[in-house]
Amino acid sequence: MRPSATLPNDEPLPFAKASAPAQRMPIGLSLRGEAVAQFDALLHELNPDAVRVDPERVQNLCVWLASLPPQAAHDVLDRRLRRMEQLRTMLEDADWDADEAIRVRLRKLFAYIDQDNDLIPDREPLLGLLDDVLLIELAWPAFVTEAEDYRDFCAYRNEEHPHGNGDEQRQAWIRDRLAEIALWQHHLRVNDSHYAYSGHSEQSFHIGG
């Protein structure tokens, strides 16, 4: 019920731009074409509108991350992994009624994230989590509306402490948020009416007798 962001962070990964010539991979790391194709297929199960993933773009992304100062590189990963944990919390929250199609896609996302030997093995220093955060970022538009609604619901639940079970809490959240919207629209109409042209008064205003 609040504005949604189409990316999990304000600064997108430098991936969705047109591919540049492939750069040399960090020593000891290689990408298998079959693994990239499987990653791309999973991504498009999660978000059919996502950009296509190819070895060249992933390779250039690895080079970019490896070129960052260590703290900056870890920040890139950590900010996106926090979004992942928010999605996991949403799926496990008994008070939230996510659509079953969303739940199926989330389970597929978690299944990939939780395996160690994926597109880039997790054992690889720093780069081992890059494919995980890339999947989170490119799949995010498929989950963003649900995730932002859930975050707003959690804020409401923490602030207002609604009574009842999950269904009753969600109904209270929806009812109160709709009331807020109605009040906001009323204020807009009132404010607009102050500027409305009301025509000439029937009697002129005179000073003195």
N, C-alpha and C. Protein backbone atom coordinates (compact mmCIF):
# COMPACT_ATOMS: atom_id res chain seq x y z
N MET A 1 0.81 -1.21 0.00
CA MET A 1 0.00 0.00 0.00
C MET A 1 0.85 1.27 0.00
N ARG A 2 2.13 1.11 -0.07
CA ARG A 2 3.04 2.22 -0.15
C ARG A 2 3.79 2.14 -1.48
N PRO A 3 4.41 3.26 -1.96
CA PRO A 3 5.14 3.22 -3.22
C PRO A 3 6.21 2.14 -3.20
N SER A 4 6.37 1.44 -4.32
CA SER A 4 7.31 0.33 -4.40
C SER A 4 8.53 0.70 -5.23
N ALA A 5 9.67 0.14 -4.85
CA ALA A 5 10.89 0.34 -5.60
C ALA A 5 11.08 -0.84 -6.53
N THR A 6 11.48 -0.56 -7.78
CA THR A 6 11.64 -1.64 -8.75
C THR A 6 12.96 -2.37 -8.61
N LEU A 7 13.85 -1.86 -7.75
CA LEU A 7 15.11 -2.51 -7.46
C LEU A 7 15.26 -2.66 -5.96
N PRO A 8 16.02 -3.68 -5.51
CA PRO A 8 16.18 -3.83 -4.07
C PRO A 8 17.09 -2.78 -3.44
N ASN A 9 17.78 -1.99 -4.25
CA ASN A 9 18.65 -0.94 -3.75
C ASN A 9 18.61 0.25 -4.71
N ASP A 10 19.03 1.41 -4.19
CA ASP A 10 19.01 2.63 -5.01
C ASP A 10 20.02 2.56 -6.15
N GLU A 11 21.12 1.86 -5.95
CA GLU A 11 22.17 1.78 -6.96
C GLU A 11 22.16 0.39 -7.59
N PRO A 12 21.71 0.26 -8.83
CA PRO A 12 21.66 -1.07 -9.45
C PRO A 12 23.05 -1.61 -9.77
N LEU A 13 23.15 -2.91 -9.82
CA LEU A 13 24.39 -3.53 -10.28
C LEU A 13 24.62 -3.14 -11.74
N PRO A 14 25.87 -2.93 -12.15
CA PRO A 14 26.16 -2.54 -13.54
C PRO A 14 26.05 -3.74 -14.46
N PHE A 15 24.84 -4.25 -14.61
CA PHE A 15 24.63 -5.48 -15.38
C PHE A 15 23.71 -5.27 -16.55
N ALA A 16 22.65 -4.49 -16.38
CA ALA A 16 21.60 -4.40 -17.39
C ALA A 16 21.97 -3.52 -18.57
N LYS A 17 23.15 -2.92 -18.55
CA LYS A 17 23.60 -2.11 -19.67
C LYS A 17 24.04 -3.01 -20.82
N ALA A 18 24.24 -2.40 -21.98
CA ALA A 18 24.72 -3.17 -23.13
C ALA A 18 26.07 -3.79 -22.80
N SER A 19 26.27 -5.02 -23.22
CA SER A 19 27.50 -5.73 -22.92
C SER A 19 28.71 -5.03 -23.52
N ALA A 20 29.75 -4.91 -22.72
CA ALA A 20 31.04 -4.45 -23.21
C ALA A 20 31.86 -5.68 -23.57
N PRO A 21 32.98 -5.50 -24.28
CA PRO A 21 33.82 -6.66 -24.55
C PRO A 21 34.20 -7.37 -23.25
N ALA A 22 34.18 -8.67 -23.26
CA ALA A 22 34.45 -9.44 -22.05
C ALA A 22 35.83 -9.14 -21.51
N GLN A 23 35.91 -8.96 -20.19
CA GLN A 23 37.18 -8.70 -19.53
C GLN A 23 37.70 -10.00 -18.93
N ARG A 24 38.99 -9.98 -18.58
CA ARG A 24 39.62 -11.18 -18.05
C ARG A 24 39.04 -11.51 -16.68
N MET A 25 38.65 -12.77 -16.48
CA MET A 25 38.08 -13.22 -15.21
C MET A 25 39.17 -13.26 -14.15
N PRO A 26 38.78 -13.06 -12.88
CA PRO A 26 39.74 -13.26 -11.79
C PRO A 26 40.34 -14.66 -11.86
N ILE A 27 41.58 -14.77 -11.48
CA ILE A 27 42.31 -16.04 -11.58
C ILE A 27 41.58 -17.14 -10.80
N GLY A 28 41.48 -18.30 -11.43
CA GLY A 28 40.89 -19.46 -10.76
C GLY A 28 39.38 -19.56 -10.89
N LEU A 29 38.75 -18.62 -11.56
CA LEU A 29 37.29 -18.64 -11.68
C LEU A 29 36.90 -18.72 -13.15
N SER A 30 35.98 -19.62 -13.46
CA SER A 30 35.48 -19.73 -14.83
C SER A 30 33.97 -19.95 -14.78
N LEU A 31 33.31 -19.62 -15.88
CA LEU A 31 31.86 -19.77 -15.98
C LEU A 31 31.54 -20.81 -17.04
N ARG A 32 30.70 -21.77 -16.69
CA ARG A 32 30.27 -22.78 -17.65
C ARG A 32 29.01 -22.29 -18.37
N GLY A 33 29.01 -22.38 -19.67
CA GLY A 33 27.87 -21.91 -20.45
C GLY A 33 26.58 -22.58 -20.04
N GLU A 34 26.64 -23.89 -19.73
CA GLU A 34 25.44 -24.62 -19.31
C GLU A 34 24.90 -24.05 -17.99
N ALA A 35 25.80 -23.72 -17.07
CA ALA A 35 25.37 -23.19 -15.78
C ALA A 35 24.74 -21.81 -15.94
N VAL A 36 25.29 -21.00 -16.84
CA VAL A 36 24.72 -19.67 -17.10
C VAL A 36 23.31 -19.82 -17.69
N ALA A 37 23.15 -20.78 -18.61
CA ALA A 37 21.84 -21.00 -19.23
C ALA A 37 20.82 -21.45 -18.18
N GLN A 38 21.22 -22.30 -17.25
CA GLN A 38 20.31 -22.75 -16.19
C GLN A 38 19.94 -21.58 -15.27
N PHE A 39 20.92 -20.75 -14.97
CA PHE A 39 20.66 -19.56 -14.15
C PHE A 39 19.65 -18.65 -14.84
N ASP A 40 19.84 -18.43 -16.13
CA ASP A 40 18.94 -17.57 -16.89
C ASP A 40 17.53 -18.16 -16.93
N ALA A 41 17.43 -19.47 -17.08
CA ALA A 41 16.11 -20.12 -17.12
C ALA A 41 15.39 -19.96 -15.78
N LEU A 42 16.11 -20.13 -14.68
CA LEU A 42 15.50 -19.95 -13.37
C LEU A 42 15.06 -18.50 -13.18
N LEU A 43 15.92 -17.57 -13.55
CA LEU A 43 15.58 -16.16 -13.42
C LEU A 43 14.27 -15.85 -14.12
N HIS A 44 14.08 -16.38 -15.32
CA HIS A 44 12.88 -16.05 -16.09
C HIS A 44 11.65 -16.84 -15.63
N GLU A 45 11.85 -17.89 -14.84
CA GLU A 45 10.71 -18.47 -14.12
C GLU A 45 10.24 -17.52 -13.04
N LEU A 46 11.20 -16.86 -12.39
CA LEU A 46 10.88 -15.95 -11.29
C LEU A 46 10.36 -14.62 -11.80
N ASN A 47 10.99 -14.10 -12.83
CA ASN A 47 10.62 -12.80 -13.39
C ASN A 47 10.75 -12.86 -14.91
N PRO A 48 9.65 -13.15 -15.62
CA PRO A 48 9.72 -13.30 -17.08
C PRO A 48 10.21 -12.06 -17.80
N ASP A 49 10.13 -10.89 -17.17
CA ASP A 49 10.52 -9.65 -17.83
C ASP A 49 11.97 -9.26 -17.56
N ALA A 50 12.71 -10.10 -16.88
CA ALA A 50 14.10 -9.77 -16.53
C ALA A 50 14.98 -9.73 -17.78
N VAL A 51 16.08 -8.98 -17.67
CA VAL A 51 17.07 -8.95 -18.74
C VAL A 51 17.69 -10.34 -18.88
N ARG A 52 18.13 -10.67 -20.06
CA ARG A 52 18.77 -11.96 -20.29
C ARG A 52 20.18 -11.98 -19.69
N VAL A 53 20.54 -13.14 -19.13
CA VAL A 53 21.85 -13.32 -18.53
C VAL A 53 22.73 -14.09 -19.50
N ASP A 54 23.91 -13.56 -19.78
CA ASP A 54 24.85 -14.27 -20.65
C ASP A 54 26.23 -14.28 -19.99
N PRO A 55 27.11 -15.19 -20.41
CA PRO A 55 28.42 -15.31 -19.76
C PRO A 55 29.22 -14.01 -19.77
N GLU A 56 29.14 -13.26 -20.86
CA GLU A 56 29.93 -12.04 -20.98
C GLU A 56 29.55 -11.01 -19.92
N ARG A 57 28.25 -10.83 -19.70
CA ARG A 57 27.81 -9.86 -18.71
C ARG A 57 28.17 -10.32 -17.29
N VAL A 58 27.99 -11.59 -17.01
CA VAL A 58 28.36 -12.09 -15.69
C VAL A 58 29.86 -11.94 -15.46
N GLN A 59 30.64 -12.22 -16.48
CA GLN A 59 32.09 -12.10 -16.38
C GLN A 59 32.49 -10.66 -16.09
N ASN A 60 31.91 -9.71 -16.80
CA ASN A 60 32.22 -8.31 -16.57
C ASN A 60 31.77 -7.85 -15.18
N LEU A 61 30.67 -8.40 -14.69
CA LEU A 61 30.20 -8.06 -13.36
C LEU A 61 31.17 -8.58 -12.30
N CYS A 62 31.71 -9.77 -12.50
CA CYS A 62 32.71 -10.32 -11.58
C CYS A 62 33.94 -9.42 -11.54
N VAL A 63 34.40 -8.99 -12.71
CA VAL A 63 35.57 -8.13 -12.76
C VAL A 63 35.30 -6.81 -12.04
N TRP A 64 34.10 -6.27 -12.25
CA TRP A 64 33.74 -5.00 -11.59
C TRP A 64 33.75 -5.15 -10.08
N LEU A 65 33.12 -6.22 -9.54
CA LEU A 65 33.07 -6.39 -8.09
C LEU A 65 34.46 -6.59 -7.52
N ALA A 66 35.29 -7.38 -8.21
CA ALA A 66 36.65 -7.64 -7.73
C ALA A 66 37.51 -6.39 -7.73
N SER A 67 37.15 -5.39 -8.55
CA SER A 67 37.94 -4.16 -8.63
C SER A 67 37.61 -3.17 -7.52
N LEU A 68 36.50 -3.39 -6.79
CA LEU A 68 36.10 -2.45 -5.75
C LEU A 68 36.96 -2.64 -4.50
N PRO A 69 37.08 -1.56 -3.69
CA PRO A 69 37.70 -1.75 -2.37
C PRO A 69 36.93 -2.81 -1.59
N PRO A 70 37.61 -3.60 -0.77
CA PRO A 70 36.94 -4.72 -0.08
C PRO A 70 35.67 -4.34 0.66
N GLN A 71 35.67 -3.25 1.40
CA GLN A 71 34.48 -2.88 2.17
C GLN A 71 33.34 -2.51 1.25
N ALA A 72 33.63 -1.79 0.16
CA ALA A 72 32.58 -1.42 -0.79
C ALA A 72 32.00 -2.66 -1.46
N ALA A 73 32.85 -3.62 -1.78
CA ALA A 73 32.36 -4.85 -2.42
C ALA A 73 31.45 -5.63 -1.48
N HIS A 74 31.82 -5.72 -0.21
CA HIS A 74 30.98 -6.44 0.75
C HIS A 74 29.67 -5.70 0.99
N ASP A 75 29.69 -4.37 0.94
CA ASP A 75 28.45 -3.60 1.08
C ASP A 75 27.49 -3.91 -0.06
N VAL A 76 28.01 -4.04 -1.28
CA VAL A 76 27.18 -4.38 -2.44
C VAL A 76 26.44 -5.69 -2.18
N LEU A 77 27.15 -6.67 -1.65
CA LEU A 77 26.54 -7.97 -1.38
C LEU A 77 25.58 -7.92 -0.19
N ASP A 78 26.02 -7.29 0.88
CA ASP A 78 25.24 -7.32 2.12
C ASP A 78 23.90 -6.63 1.97
N ARG A 79 23.85 -5.51 1.26
CA ARG A 79 22.59 -4.78 1.12
C ARG A 79 21.55 -5.62 0.40
N ARG A 80 21.98 -6.38 -0.57
CA ARG A 80 21.03 -7.20 -1.32
C ARG A 80 20.67 -8.48 -0.57
N LEU A 81 21.60 -9.01 0.18
CA LEU A 81 21.29 -10.19 0.98
C LEU A 81 20.31 -9.86 2.10
N ARG A 82 20.33 -8.64 2.59
CA ARG A 82 19.33 -8.24 3.59
C ARG A 82 17.94 -8.26 3.00
N ARG A 83 17.80 -7.88 1.73
CA ARG A 83 16.51 -7.98 1.06
C ARG A 83 16.06 -9.43 0.98
N MET A 84 17.02 -10.32 0.75
CA MET A 84 16.70 -11.75 0.69
C MET A 84 16.13 -12.22 2.02
N GLU A 85 16.73 -11.78 3.12
CA GLU A 85 16.24 -12.19 4.43
C GLU A 85 14.85 -11.62 4.71
N GLN A 86 14.55 -10.43 4.19
CA GLN A 86 13.21 -9.87 4.32
C GLN A 86 12.19 -10.75 3.60
N LEU A 87 12.56 -11.23 2.42
CA LEU A 87 11.66 -12.12 1.68
C LEU A 87 11.46 -13.43 2.42
N ARG A 88 12.52 -13.95 3.02
CA ARG A 88 12.42 -15.21 3.76
C ARG A 88 11.51 -15.03 4.98
N THR A 89 11.67 -13.91 5.67
CA THR A 89 10.83 -13.62 6.83
C THR A 89 9.36 -13.52 6.41
N MET A 90 9.11 -12.88 5.27
CA MET A 90 7.75 -12.74 4.78
C MET A 90 7.11 -14.11 4.53
N LEU A 91 7.87 -15.00 3.91
CA LEU A 91 7.34 -16.32 3.59
C LEU A 91 7.02 -17.12 4.86
N GLU A 92 7.81 -16.92 5.90
CA GLU A 92 7.66 -17.70 7.13
C GLU A 92 6.69 -17.08 8.12
N ASP A 93 6.21 -15.88 7.85
CA ASP A 93 5.32 -15.18 8.79
C ASP A 93 3.90 -15.73 8.65
N ALA A 94 3.40 -16.36 9.71
CA ALA A 94 2.06 -16.97 9.67
C ALA A 94 0.96 -15.94 9.56
N ASP A 95 1.25 -14.68 9.88
CA ASP A 95 0.23 -13.64 9.81
C ASP A 95 0.08 -13.05 8.41
N TRP A 96 0.95 -13.44 7.48
CA TRP A 96 0.91 -12.86 6.14
C TRP A 96 0.40 -13.89 5.14
N ASP A 97 -0.50 -13.50 4.27
CA ASP A 97 -1.13 -14.44 3.34
C ASP A 97 -0.64 -14.21 1.91
N ALA A 98 0.63 -14.42 1.69
CA ALA A 98 1.18 -14.25 0.33
C ALA A 98 0.48 -15.20 -0.63
N ASP A 99 0.28 -14.73 -1.85
CA ASP A 99 -0.33 -15.54 -2.90
C ASP A 99 0.50 -16.80 -3.12
N GLU A 100 -0.15 -17.91 -3.42
CA GLU A 100 0.55 -19.18 -3.58
C GLU A 100 1.56 -19.11 -4.72
N ALA A 101 1.25 -18.40 -5.79
CA ALA A 101 2.21 -18.27 -6.89
C ALA A 101 3.48 -17.56 -6.43
N ILE A 102 3.33 -16.54 -5.58
CA ILE A 102 4.48 -15.85 -5.01
C ILE A 102 5.28 -16.81 -4.14
N ARG A 103 4.59 -17.62 -3.35
CA ARG A 103 5.27 -18.58 -2.47
C ARG A 103 6.08 -19.59 -3.26
N VAL A 104 5.53 -20.06 -4.36
CA VAL A 104 6.25 -21.04 -5.19
C VAL A 104 7.52 -20.42 -5.75
N ARG A 105 7.42 -19.19 -6.26
CA ARG A 105 8.60 -18.53 -6.82
C ARG A 105 9.63 -18.24 -5.74
N LEU A 106 9.17 -17.84 -4.56
CA LEU A 106 10.12 -17.58 -3.46
C LEU A 106 10.86 -18.85 -3.07
N ARG A 107 10.17 -19.97 -3.02
CA ARG A 107 10.83 -21.23 -2.65
C ARG A 107 11.90 -21.60 -3.68
N LYS A 108 11.62 -21.34 -4.94
CA LYS A 108 12.63 -21.60 -5.98
C LYS A 108 13.82 -20.67 -5.81
N LEU A 109 13.56 -19.42 -5.47
CA LEU A 109 14.65 -18.47 -5.22
C LEU A 109 15.50 -18.93 -4.05
N PHE A 110 14.86 -19.32 -2.93
CA PHE A 110 15.60 -19.76 -1.75
C PHE A 110 16.39 -21.04 -2.05
N ALA A 111 15.80 -21.93 -2.82
CA ALA A 111 16.48 -23.19 -3.13
C ALA A 111 17.80 -22.91 -3.85
N TYR A 112 17.80 -21.93 -4.73
CA TYR A 112 19.05 -21.58 -5.42
C TYR A 112 20.03 -20.94 -4.45
N ILE A 113 19.56 -19.96 -3.68
CA ILE A 113 20.43 -19.23 -2.77
C ILE A 113 21.07 -20.18 -1.76
N ASP A 114 20.33 -21.18 -1.31
CA ASP A 114 20.80 -22.05 -0.24
C ASP A 114 21.74 -23.14 -0.70
N GLN A 115 21.90 -23.34 -2.01
CA GLN A 115 22.85 -24.36 -2.45
C GLN A 115 24.24 -23.74 -2.57
N ASP A 116 25.25 -24.53 -2.32
CA ASP A 116 26.63 -24.03 -2.30
C ASP A 116 27.28 -24.03 -3.68
N ASN A 117 26.94 -25.02 -4.50
CA ASN A 117 27.63 -25.18 -5.78
C ASN A 117 26.70 -24.74 -6.90
N ASP A 118 26.55 -23.41 -7.06
CA ASP A 118 25.66 -22.88 -8.09
C ASP A 118 26.48 -22.24 -9.20
N LEU A 119 26.00 -21.20 -9.83
CA LEU A 119 26.71 -20.62 -10.96
C LEU A 119 28.14 -20.25 -10.58
N ILE A 120 28.29 -19.57 -9.45
CA ILE A 120 29.61 -19.28 -8.88
C ILE A 120 29.65 -19.96 -7.52
N PRO A 121 30.45 -20.97 -7.32
CA PRO A 121 30.45 -21.69 -6.04
C PRO A 121 30.65 -20.74 -4.86
N ASP A 122 29.87 -20.98 -3.80
CA ASP A 122 29.92 -20.09 -2.64
C ASP A 122 31.28 -20.07 -1.97
N ARG A 123 32.09 -21.08 -2.20
CA ARG A 123 33.42 -21.13 -1.57
C ARG A 123 34.38 -20.10 -2.15
N GLU A 124 34.05 -19.53 -3.32
CA GLU A 124 34.92 -18.53 -3.92
C GLU A 124 34.92 -17.27 -3.05
N PRO A 125 36.08 -16.78 -2.65
CA PRO A 125 36.13 -15.56 -1.83
C PRO A 125 35.45 -14.39 -2.54
N LEU A 126 34.60 -13.71 -1.87
CA LEU A 126 33.87 -12.52 -2.33
C LEU A 126 32.90 -12.83 -3.46
N LEU A 127 33.41 -13.37 -4.58
CA LEU A 127 32.59 -13.57 -5.76
C LEU A 127 31.58 -14.70 -5.60
N GLY A 128 31.75 -15.54 -4.59
CA GLY A 128 30.87 -16.70 -4.44
C GLY A 128 29.41 -16.34 -4.18
N LEU A 129 29.16 -15.13 -3.70
CA LEU A 129 27.78 -14.70 -3.45
C LEU A 129 27.26 -13.77 -4.55
N LEU A 130 28.07 -13.47 -5.53
CA LEU A 130 27.65 -12.50 -6.54
C LEU A 130 26.48 -13.01 -7.37
N ASP A 131 26.48 -14.29 -7.73
CA ASP A 131 25.36 -14.81 -8.51
C ASP A 131 24.07 -14.79 -7.68
N ASP A 132 24.19 -14.99 -6.35
CA ASP A 132 23.02 -14.95 -5.48
C ASP A 132 22.40 -13.55 -5.48
N VAL A 133 23.24 -12.54 -5.29
CA VAL A 133 22.70 -11.18 -5.23
C VAL A 133 22.24 -10.71 -6.61
N LEU A 134 22.87 -11.23 -7.67
CA LEU A 134 22.40 -10.90 -9.02
C LEU A 134 21.00 -11.46 -9.24
N LEU A 135 20.76 -12.69 -8.79
CA LEU A 135 19.44 -13.29 -8.93
C LEU A 135 18.40 -12.50 -8.13
N ILE A 136 18.76 -12.10 -6.91
CA ILE A 136 17.84 -11.30 -6.10
C ILE A 136 17.48 -10.01 -6.82
N GLU A 137 18.49 -9.33 -7.35
CA GLU A 137 18.23 -8.03 -7.99
C GLU A 137 17.37 -8.17 -9.25
N LEU A 138 17.70 -9.12 -10.10
CA LEU A 138 16.98 -9.24 -11.36
C LEU A 138 15.58 -9.82 -11.18
N ALA A 139 15.39 -10.60 -10.11
CA ALA A 139 14.06 -11.17 -9.84
C ALA A 139 13.20 -10.23 -9.00
N TRP A 140 13.79 -9.22 -8.39
CA TRP A 140 13.10 -8.37 -7.43
C TRP A 140 11.77 -7.80 -7.94
N PRO A 141 11.67 -7.32 -9.20
CA PRO A 141 10.38 -6.75 -9.64
C PRO A 141 9.20 -7.71 -9.49
N ALA A 142 9.46 -9.02 -9.50
CA ALA A 142 8.36 -9.99 -9.36
C ALA A 142 7.85 -10.06 -7.92
N PHE A 143 8.64 -9.55 -6.97
CA PHE A 143 8.28 -9.66 -5.55
C PHE A 143 8.07 -8.31 -4.89
N VAL A 144 8.39 -7.22 -5.58
CA VAL A 144 8.49 -5.93 -4.92
C VAL A 144 7.17 -5.47 -4.31
N THR A 145 6.05 -5.64 -5.00
CA THR A 145 4.77 -5.17 -4.46
C THR A 145 4.41 -5.92 -3.19
N GLU A 146 4.57 -7.25 -3.24
CA GLU A 146 4.29 -8.07 -2.05
C GLU A 146 5.23 -7.69 -0.91
N ALA A 147 6.52 -7.50 -1.22
CA ALA A 147 7.51 -7.20 -0.18
C ALA A 147 7.24 -5.85 0.47
N GLU A 148 6.87 -4.85 -0.33
CA GLU A 148 6.62 -3.53 0.23
C GLU A 148 5.32 -3.51 1.04
N ASP A 149 4.31 -4.23 0.57
CA ASP A 149 3.08 -4.34 1.36
C ASP A 149 3.37 -5.03 2.69
N TYR A 150 4.18 -6.08 2.65
CA TYR A 150 4.50 -6.80 3.88
C TYR A 150 5.28 -5.90 4.84
N ARG A 151 6.20 -5.14 4.31
CA ARG A 151 6.98 -4.24 5.17
C ARG A 151 6.07 -3.20 5.82
N ASP A 152 5.11 -2.69 5.07
CA ASP A 152 4.17 -1.72 5.64
C ASP A 152 3.28 -2.38 6.69
N PHE A 153 2.85 -3.62 6.42
CA PHE A 153 2.05 -4.36 7.39
C PHE A 153 2.83 -4.56 8.69
N CYS A 154 4.12 -4.92 8.57
CA CYS A 154 4.94 -5.12 9.77
C CYS A 154 5.07 -3.83 10.57
N ALA A 155 5.24 -2.70 9.86
CA ALA A 155 5.33 -1.41 10.55
C ALA A 155 4.03 -1.11 11.28
N TYR A 156 2.91 -1.38 10.62
CA TYR A 156 1.60 -1.16 11.24
C TYR A 156 1.43 -2.08 12.46
N ARG A 157 1.80 -3.33 12.31
CA ARG A 157 1.65 -4.30 13.41
C ARG A 157 2.50 -3.90 14.61
N ASN A 158 3.71 -3.38 14.36
CA ASN A 158 4.59 -2.98 15.45
C ASN A 158 4.11 -1.70 16.14
N GLU A 159 3.49 -0.80 15.36
CA GLU A 159 3.08 0.49 15.90
C GLU A 159 1.69 0.43 16.56
N GLU A 160 0.77 -0.28 15.92
CA GLU A 160 -0.63 -0.26 16.37
C GLU A 160 -1.02 -1.46 17.22
N HIS A 161 -0.25 -2.54 17.16
CA HIS A 161 -0.53 -3.75 17.94
C HIS A 161 -1.99 -4.21 17.77
N PRO A 162 -2.41 -4.49 16.54
CA PRO A 162 -3.80 -4.90 16.32
C PRO A 162 -4.10 -6.24 17.00
N HIS A 163 -5.33 -6.40 17.43
CA HIS A 163 -5.74 -7.63 18.11
C HIS A 163 -6.13 -8.70 17.08
N GLY A 164 -6.16 -9.93 17.55
CA GLY A 164 -6.69 -11.01 16.73
C GLY A 164 -5.63 -11.81 16.01
N ASN A 165 -6.11 -12.75 15.19
CA ASN A 165 -5.21 -13.60 14.42
C ASN A 165 -4.70 -12.84 13.18
N GLY A 166 -3.96 -13.57 12.34
CA GLY A 166 -3.38 -12.92 11.17
C GLY A 166 -4.41 -12.29 10.27
N ASP A 167 -5.51 -13.00 10.02
CA ASP A 167 -6.56 -12.45 9.15
C ASP A 167 -7.12 -11.16 9.72
N GLU A 168 -7.37 -11.15 11.02
CA GLU A 168 -7.94 -9.95 11.65
C GLU A 168 -6.94 -8.80 11.67
N GLN A 169 -5.69 -9.11 11.85
CA GLN A 169 -4.66 -8.06 11.82
C GLN A 169 -4.53 -7.44 10.43
N ARG A 170 -4.57 -8.28 9.41
CA ARG A 170 -4.48 -7.76 8.04
C ARG A 170 -5.71 -6.93 7.69
N GLN A 171 -6.87 -7.36 8.13
CA GLN A 171 -8.08 -6.59 7.88
C GLN A 171 -8.01 -5.22 8.55
N ALA A 172 -7.48 -5.19 9.78
CA ALA A 172 -7.32 -3.91 10.48
C ALA A 172 -6.33 -3.02 9.73
N TRP A 173 -5.24 -3.61 9.27
CA TRP A 173 -4.23 -2.86 8.50
C TRP A 173 -4.85 -2.26 7.24
N ILE A 174 -5.58 -3.07 6.47
CA ILE A 174 -6.20 -2.58 5.24
C ILE A 174 -7.22 -1.49 5.55
N ARG A 175 -8.04 -1.72 6.56
CA ARG A 175 -9.07 -0.75 6.92
C ARG A 175 -8.45 0.60 7.31
N ASP A 176 -7.42 0.57 8.13
CA ASP A 176 -6.81 1.81 8.60
C ASP A 176 -6.03 2.51 7.49
N ARG A 177 -5.37 1.73 6.64
CA ARG A 177 -4.64 2.36 5.52
C ARG A 177 -5.63 2.99 4.53
N LEU A 178 -6.76 2.34 4.26
CA LEU A 178 -7.77 2.91 3.38
C LEU A 178 -8.35 4.19 4.00
N ALA A 179 -8.51 4.20 5.32
CA ALA A 179 -9.00 5.40 5.99
C ALA A 179 -7.98 6.53 5.85
N GLU A 180 -6.70 6.21 5.93
CA GLU A 180 -5.66 7.23 5.74
C GLU A 180 -5.73 7.80 4.33
N ILE A 181 -5.92 6.92 3.35
CA ILE A 181 -6.00 7.38 1.96
C ILE A 181 -7.21 8.28 1.76
N ALA A 182 -8.35 7.88 2.33
CA ALA A 182 -9.57 8.68 2.20
C ALA A 182 -9.39 10.06 2.83
N LEU A 183 -8.73 10.10 3.99
CA LEU A 183 -8.50 11.38 4.66
C LEU A 183 -7.56 12.25 3.83
N TRP A 184 -6.53 11.64 3.27
CA TRP A 184 -5.58 12.37 2.42
C TRP A 184 -6.30 12.94 1.20
N GLN A 185 -7.17 12.14 0.57
CA GLN A 185 -7.92 12.63 -0.60
C GLN A 185 -8.86 13.76 -0.22
N HIS A 186 -9.47 13.66 0.97
CA HIS A 186 -10.35 14.72 1.45
C HIS A 186 -9.57 16.03 1.62
N HIS A 187 -8.39 15.95 2.21
CA HIS A 187 -7.57 17.14 2.40
C HIS A 187 -7.18 17.76 1.07
N LEU A 188 -6.89 16.90 0.09
CA LEU A 188 -6.56 17.42 -1.25
C LEU A 188 -7.74 18.19 -1.83
N ARG A 189 -8.95 17.63 -1.70
CA ARG A 189 -10.13 18.30 -2.24
C ARG A 189 -10.37 19.63 -1.53
N VAL A 190 -10.20 19.65 -0.22
CA VAL A 190 -10.40 20.87 0.54
C VAL A 190 -9.38 21.93 0.12
N ASN A 191 -8.13 21.49 0.00
CA ASN A 191 -7.08 22.44 -0.40
C ASN A 191 -7.32 22.97 -1.80
N ASP A 192 -7.75 22.11 -2.71
CA ASP A 192 -8.03 22.55 -4.07
C ASP A 192 -9.18 23.54 -4.11
N SER A 193 -10.17 23.33 -3.24
CA SER A 193 -11.34 24.22 -3.25
C SER A 193 -10.98 25.64 -2.85
N HIS A 194 -9.89 25.82 -2.13
CA HIS A 194 -9.48 27.16 -1.73
C HIS A 194 -9.05 28.00 -2.92
N TYR A 195 -8.65 27.29 -3.97
CA TYR A 195 -8.18 28.00 -5.17
C TYR A 195 -9.23 28.03 -6.27
N ALA A 196 -10.39 27.45 -5.99
CA ALA A 196 -11.44 27.40 -7.02
C ALA A 196 -12.05 28.78 -7.22
N TYR A 197 -12.37 29.11 -8.46
CA TYR A 197 -13.00 30.40 -8.76
C TYR A 197 -14.47 30.35 -8.35
N SER A 198 -14.88 31.30 -7.52
CA SER A 198 -16.24 31.27 -6.99
C SER A 198 -17.15 32.30 -7.63
N GLY A 199 -16.69 33.05 -8.62
CA GLY A 199 -17.52 34.06 -9.29
C GLY A 199 -17.58 35.36 -8.50
N HIS A 200 -18.39 36.32 -8.97
CA HIS A 200 -18.52 37.61 -8.31
C HIS A 200 -19.62 37.55 -7.27
N SER A 201 -19.41 38.23 -6.17
CA SER A 201 -20.47 38.29 -5.16
C SER A 201 -21.61 39.16 -5.67
N GLU A 202 -22.78 38.91 -5.16
CA GLU A 202 -23.94 39.65 -5.63
C GLU A 202 -23.95 41.09 -5.13
N GLN A 203 -23.31 41.37 -3.99
CA GLN A 203 -23.28 42.71 -3.45
C GLN A 203 -21.84 43.22 -3.44
N SER A 204 -21.69 44.49 -3.78
CA SER A 204 -20.36 45.09 -3.77
C SER A 204 -19.98 45.44 -2.37
N PHE A 205 -18.69 45.52 -2.13
CA PHE A 205 -18.18 45.87 -0.80
C PHE A 205 -17.89 47.35 -0.79
N HIS A 206 -18.49 48.07 0.15
CA HIS A 206 -18.31 49.52 0.24
C HIS A 206 -17.67 49.90 1.55
N ILE A 207 -16.92 50.97 1.50
CA ILE A 207 -16.32 51.53 2.72
C ILE A 207 -17.03 52.83 3.03
N GLY A 208 -17.43 53.03 4.25
CA GLY A 208 -18.12 54.28 4.63
C GLY A 208 -19.60 54.17 4.43
N GLY A 209 -20.25 55.29 4.61
CA GLY A 209 -21.70 55.30 4.50
C GLY A 209 -22.10 55.40 3.10
